[in-house]
Protein backbone atom coordinates (compact mmCIF):
# COMPACT_ATOMS: atom_id res chain seq x y z
CA MET A 1 174.56 142.74 118.76
CA LEU A 2 171.01 142.01 119.74
CA THR A 3 170.27 141.63 123.27
CA VAL A 4 167.54 139.64 124.86
CA LEU A 5 165.01 142.25 124.85
CA GLU A 6 165.56 143.39 121.31
CA ILE A 7 165.01 139.87 120.05
CA ILE A 8 161.88 139.26 121.94
CA LYS A 9 160.46 142.75 120.35
CA ARG A 10 161.37 141.85 117.25
CA THR A 11 159.73 138.29 117.35
CA THR A 12 156.60 139.60 119.00
CA GLU A 13 156.47 142.27 115.79
CA PHE A 14 156.92 139.22 113.25
CA PHE A 15 154.41 137.12 115.15
CA ALA A 16 151.88 140.09 115.33
CA GLY A 17 152.24 140.22 111.55
CA LYS A 18 151.48 136.65 110.89
CA GLY A 19 148.01 136.96 112.98
CA ILE A 20 149.54 134.82 115.89
CA GLU A 21 147.46 135.16 119.01
CA SER A 22 149.33 136.24 121.99
CA PRO A 23 152.50 137.50 120.08
CA ARG A 24 154.61 138.47 123.28
CA LEU A 25 153.90 135.50 125.19
CA ASN A 26 154.77 133.12 122.08
CA ALA A 27 158.08 135.00 121.49
CA GLU A 28 158.87 134.85 125.24
CA LEU A 29 158.10 131.09 125.43
CA LEU A 30 159.80 130.11 122.36
CA ILE A 31 162.92 132.15 122.87
CA GLY A 32 162.96 130.75 126.27
CA HIS A 33 162.72 127.23 124.99
CA ALA A 34 165.47 127.96 122.58
CA LEU A 35 168.11 129.47 125.04
CA GLY A 36 166.70 127.02 128.01
CA ARG A 37 165.60 129.93 130.08
CA THR A 38 162.21 130.13 132.01
CA ARG A 39 160.29 133.47 131.17
CA MET A 40 161.61 134.67 135.00
CA GLN A 41 165.07 134.11 133.79
CA LEU A 42 164.71 136.10 130.30
CA TYR A 43 163.37 139.09 132.28
CA MET A 44 166.63 139.01 134.19
CA GLU A 45 168.61 138.91 131.23
CA PHE A 46 166.78 141.53 129.08
CA GLU A 47 170.05 143.55 128.54
CA ARG A 48 172.42 140.54 127.67
CA PRO A 49 173.67 140.43 124.30
CA LEU A 50 172.94 137.35 122.30
CA ALA A 51 175.60 135.32 120.78
CA GLU A 52 175.43 134.17 117.14
CA ALA A 53 175.02 130.61 118.10
CA GLU A 54 172.02 131.48 120.49
CA LEU A 55 170.60 133.24 117.43
CA GLU A 56 170.88 130.10 115.44
CA LYS A 57 169.01 128.12 117.81
CA ILE A 58 166.24 130.99 117.61
CA ARG A 59 165.71 131.42 114.20
CA PRO A 60 164.52 128.16 113.03
CA LEU A 61 161.94 127.87 115.96
CA VAL A 62 160.80 131.26 114.93
CA ARG A 63 160.31 130.52 111.36
CA ARG A 64 158.39 127.45 112.33
CA ARG A 65 155.96 129.46 114.37
CA GLY A 66 155.77 131.98 111.63
CA GLN A 67 154.51 129.15 109.36
CA ARG A 68 151.71 128.90 112.28
CA GLU A 69 153.21 125.39 113.52
CA PRO A 70 151.62 124.98 117.11
CA LEU A 71 153.88 126.44 119.85
CA GLN A 72 153.26 123.17 121.66
CA TYR A 73 154.83 121.04 118.73
CA ILE A 74 157.80 123.29 118.57
CA VAL A 75 158.77 122.95 122.24
CA GLY A 76 157.47 119.34 122.33
CA GLU A 77 155.56 119.44 125.42
CA VAL A 78 152.44 120.76 126.97
CA GLU A 79 151.25 120.89 130.85
CA PHE A 80 148.00 118.81 131.54
CA HIS A 81 146.83 118.63 135.21
CA GLY A 82 150.18 119.02 136.62
CA LEU A 83 151.74 116.60 134.11
CA LYS A 84 154.27 117.42 131.30
CA LEU A 85 153.29 115.70 128.27
CA LYS A 86 155.44 115.04 125.14
CA VAL A 87 153.34 116.23 121.97
CA ASP A 88 154.06 116.18 118.63
CA LYS A 89 152.08 115.69 114.97
CA ARG A 90 151.22 112.13 116.18
CA ALA A 91 148.52 113.25 118.51
CA LEU A 92 146.23 116.19 119.25
CA ILE A 93 147.14 118.64 121.40
CA PRO A 94 145.52 118.32 125.24
CA ARG A 95 143.45 121.67 125.59
CA PRO A 96 141.94 123.22 128.86
CA GLU A 97 138.63 121.95 128.10
CA THR A 98 139.84 118.39 128.30
CA GLU A 99 141.39 118.87 131.91
CA LEU A 100 138.27 120.22 132.73
CA LEU A 101 136.57 116.96 131.49
CA VAL A 102 139.07 115.08 133.50
CA ALA A 103 138.09 117.26 136.83
CA HIS A 104 134.40 116.42 136.28
CA VAL A 105 135.06 112.94 136.03
CA VAL A 106 137.15 112.76 139.20
CA ALA A 107 134.31 114.78 141.16
CA LEU A 108 131.66 112.45 139.84
CA CYS A 109 133.51 109.58 140.97
CA ALA A 110 134.65 110.81 144.33
CA ALA A 111 131.73 109.10 146.44
CA ASN A 112 132.34 105.60 144.40
CA PRO A 113 135.68 105.36 143.04
CA PRO A 114 136.16 103.12 139.95
CA THR A 115 138.14 99.98 139.61
CA ARG A 116 137.87 99.94 135.73
CA LEU A 117 137.89 102.90 133.61
CA LEU A 118 138.11 103.26 129.62
CA ASP A 119 139.78 105.98 127.88
CA LEU A 120 138.50 105.93 124.22
CA GLY A 121 140.69 107.52 121.65
CA THR A 122 143.55 108.35 123.99
CA GLY A 123 145.68 110.51 121.68
CA SER A 124 148.77 111.55 123.59
CA GLY A 125 147.45 109.69 126.71
CA ALA A 126 146.56 112.79 128.86
CA ILE A 127 143.25 111.77 129.93
CA ALA A 128 144.25 108.07 130.76
CA ILE A 129 147.49 109.17 132.47
CA ALA A 130 145.78 112.28 134.45
CA LEU A 131 142.78 109.76 135.70
CA ALA A 132 145.17 106.95 136.45
CA THR A 133 147.14 109.71 138.52
CA MET A 134 143.93 110.79 140.24
CA LEU A 135 142.13 107.84 140.85
CA PRO A 136 144.57 105.33 142.02
CA THR A 137 142.13 102.73 142.74
CA ALA A 138 141.28 102.57 138.99
CA ALA A 139 142.64 100.00 136.51
CA VAL A 140 142.89 102.18 133.31
CA THR A 141 142.64 100.98 129.84
CA ALA A 142 143.52 103.42 126.79
CA VAL A 143 142.62 102.77 123.02
CA ASP A 144 143.46 104.41 120.12
CA VAL A 145 143.17 103.43 116.38
CA SER A 146 146.58 105.09 115.63
CA ALA A 147 149.57 103.13 116.60
CA GLU A 148 151.49 106.37 116.25
CA ALA A 149 149.30 107.92 118.92
CA LEU A 150 149.47 105.17 121.21
CA ALA A 151 153.36 105.17 120.75
CA ILE A 152 153.42 108.74 122.40
CA ALA A 153 150.83 107.90 124.84
CA ARG A 154 153.21 104.81 126.08
CA GLU A 155 156.30 107.25 126.31
CA ASN A 156 154.16 109.82 128.19
CA ALA A 157 152.67 107.31 130.59
CA ALA A 158 156.25 106.06 131.38
CA THR A 159 157.56 109.52 132.00
CA ALA A 160 154.80 110.05 134.56
CA GLY A 161 155.55 106.87 136.25
CA ALA A 162 151.95 105.43 135.24
CA ALA A 163 152.86 103.00 132.60
CA GLY A 164 152.06 99.75 135.08
CA ARG A 165 148.77 101.36 135.68
CA ILE A 166 147.59 101.86 132.11
CA GLU A 167 146.96 99.26 129.39
CA PHE A 168 147.23 100.60 125.95
CA LEU A 169 145.51 98.74 123.03
CA THR A 170 145.10 99.40 119.25
CA SER A 171 141.14 99.68 118.80
CA ASP A 172 138.67 101.54 116.66
CA TRP A 173 136.64 102.46 119.62
CA PHE A 174 135.37 99.06 121.37
CA ALA A 175 136.23 96.78 118.63
CA ALA A 176 139.13 95.02 120.73
CA LEU A 177 137.19 95.01 123.98
CA SER A 178 134.90 92.22 123.68
CA GLY A 179 133.63 90.76 126.91
CA GLN A 180 135.06 93.43 128.85
CA SER A 181 133.29 96.03 131.20
CA PHE A 182 134.04 99.36 132.93
CA ASP A 183 132.87 101.41 135.74
CA VAL A 184 133.60 104.68 133.62
CA ILE A 185 134.17 105.12 130.08
CA VAL A 186 135.81 108.69 128.95
CA GLY A 187 136.40 110.22 125.83
CA ASN A 188 137.24 113.29 123.69
CA PRO A 189 136.41 111.72 120.09
CA PRO A 190 136.45 113.81 117.02
CA TYR A 191 133.34 116.09 116.75
CA LEU A 192 133.92 118.60 114.20
CA SER A 193 132.49 118.47 110.60
CA ALA A 194 134.55 119.08 107.77
CA SER A 195 133.31 122.69 107.28
CA GLU A 196 134.07 123.43 111.05
CA THR A 197 137.45 122.11 110.70
CA ALA A 198 138.11 123.93 107.79
CA GLU A 199 137.29 127.16 109.74
CA THR A 200 139.79 126.47 112.76
CA ALA A 201 143.08 128.25 113.33
CA PRO A 202 145.80 127.49 110.82
CA GLU A 203 147.85 125.73 113.64
CA VAL A 204 144.63 123.34 113.98
CA ARG A 205 143.76 122.68 110.35
CA GLY A 206 147.26 122.72 109.16
CA PHE A 207 148.98 120.54 111.81
CA GLU A 208 146.79 118.52 113.91
CA PRO A 209 145.89 115.27 112.96
CA ALA A 210 142.69 115.53 111.18
CA MET A 211 141.48 111.98 112.29
CA ALA A 212 141.48 113.33 115.52
CA LEU A 213 139.34 116.19 114.84
CA THR A 214 136.76 115.55 112.23
CA ALA A 215 133.92 113.13 112.17
CA PRO A 216 132.01 112.33 108.93
CA GLY A 217 128.60 114.11 108.14
CA ASP A 218 127.55 116.61 110.81
CA GLY A 219 130.52 115.71 113.21
CA LEU A 220 128.21 113.63 115.23
CA GLU A 221 129.17 110.02 113.88
CA HIS A 222 131.91 108.96 116.49
CA LEU A 223 129.95 110.14 119.31
CA ALA A 224 126.54 108.30 118.19
CA ARG A 225 128.80 105.13 117.66
CA ILE A 226 130.22 105.20 121.20
CA ILE A 227 126.60 106.35 122.71
CA ALA A 228 125.04 103.20 121.12
CA ASP A 229 127.89 100.61 121.99
CA ALA A 230 128.88 101.88 125.41
CA PRO A 231 125.89 100.27 127.44
CA ARG A 232 127.38 96.97 126.56
CA TYR A 233 130.76 97.83 128.05
CA LEU A 234 129.33 99.78 131.06
CA ASN A 235 128.83 97.98 134.41
CA ASP A 236 125.38 98.88 136.13
CA GLY A 237 125.37 102.44 137.42
CA GLY A 238 128.44 103.15 135.21
CA LEU A 239 129.08 106.76 133.96
CA LEU A 240 129.89 107.46 130.23
CA ALA A 241 131.68 110.96 129.92
CA LEU A 242 132.55 112.45 126.69
CA GLU A 243 133.80 116.13 125.28
CA THR A 244 131.76 117.21 122.43
CA GLY A 245 130.80 119.87 119.96
CA ILE A 246 128.91 123.00 121.34
CA ALA A 247 125.86 122.68 119.19
CA GLN A 248 125.23 118.75 119.45
CA HIS A 249 123.66 118.25 122.83
CA ALA A 250 119.91 118.31 122.01
CA ARG A 251 120.73 115.40 119.65
CA LEU A 252 123.42 113.50 122.02
CA ARG A 253 120.66 113.46 124.98
CA GLU A 254 118.50 112.13 122.47
CA LEU A 255 120.91 109.42 121.56
CA LEU A 256 121.64 108.67 125.15
CA ALA A 257 118.24 107.95 126.03
CA ALA A 258 117.67 106.24 123.01
CA ALA A 259 120.59 103.82 124.17
CA GLY A 260 118.93 103.38 127.83
CA PHE A 261 121.04 105.77 129.83
CA THR A 262 118.50 106.62 132.62
CA ARG A 263 120.34 109.81 133.62
CA THR A 264 121.92 112.33 131.62
CA GLU A 265 123.44 115.83 132.13
CA SER A 266 125.10 118.58 130.17
CA ARG A 267 128.03 120.60 131.44
CA GLN A 268 129.73 123.70 130.22
CA ASP A 269 133.12 124.61 129.30
CA LEU A 270 135.10 127.62 130.46
CA THR A 271 133.40 130.13 127.98
CA GLY A 272 129.97 128.83 129.08
CA ARG A 273 128.88 126.83 126.30
CA ASP A 274 127.74 123.04 126.32
CA ARG A 275 130.81 120.96 125.82
CA PHE A 276 130.51 117.85 127.83
CA VAL A 277 127.97 115.28 128.07
CA PHE A 278 127.35 112.53 130.83
CA GLY A 279 125.29 109.35 130.87
CA TRP A 280 124.48 106.95 133.63
CA ARG A 281 123.93 103.35 132.93
């Protein structure tokens, strides 16, 4: 009979052969999920033989990961700013860069907490839920053009106890928001060109929703639309905060200035590359 350690080693070798990054970590997380164990609990059971019923739980998950399905979709959840969010193919997987965007927004609002906040393209609801939790004075509106994404966002808001604080609307960016205004508008819109998406990891290009990743042309179309329209929905002194591509900032700063933003700023991601752009009305 195979022990826990032996199946971890075999799975690690299998994942490495498939080109999966951090194969040992992936193996431990996936096997732990299948067995209902944390990684620490797995370590305490390395020498325990696995029953056939346990192996039957592990095998299909390993096959899925070997086909490069994202680990987060297989285990069905991801951590984001201390929240556990449900994730599946209906929405983009929240990433550490987006956690940093949330942290920047919270810090920039510390001196003047917002009363109304808009999350554009909410996806799984990660940004809206995190900001609703961290900025308790704000009434949050979250929009997405995808009804499927909004369904999972609503589930996550309910699980996080934030459903009463967030209004979810089906909207193509600002289309359903006529006459409304906000102190903060935040978003992580699609910003990759088709060629850039084609060069992403198999987990990204093969499984995550293309409409949440790719923008027409050079990847700027959605960002340009948001920047052009945002001033009509921002209160005086309001903040627009966007996650962007890393080679777009010179053009984005020009678009912000043309739209009437009196102050703009770029900030870097965890790898030191320009990733976030901010504009004040």
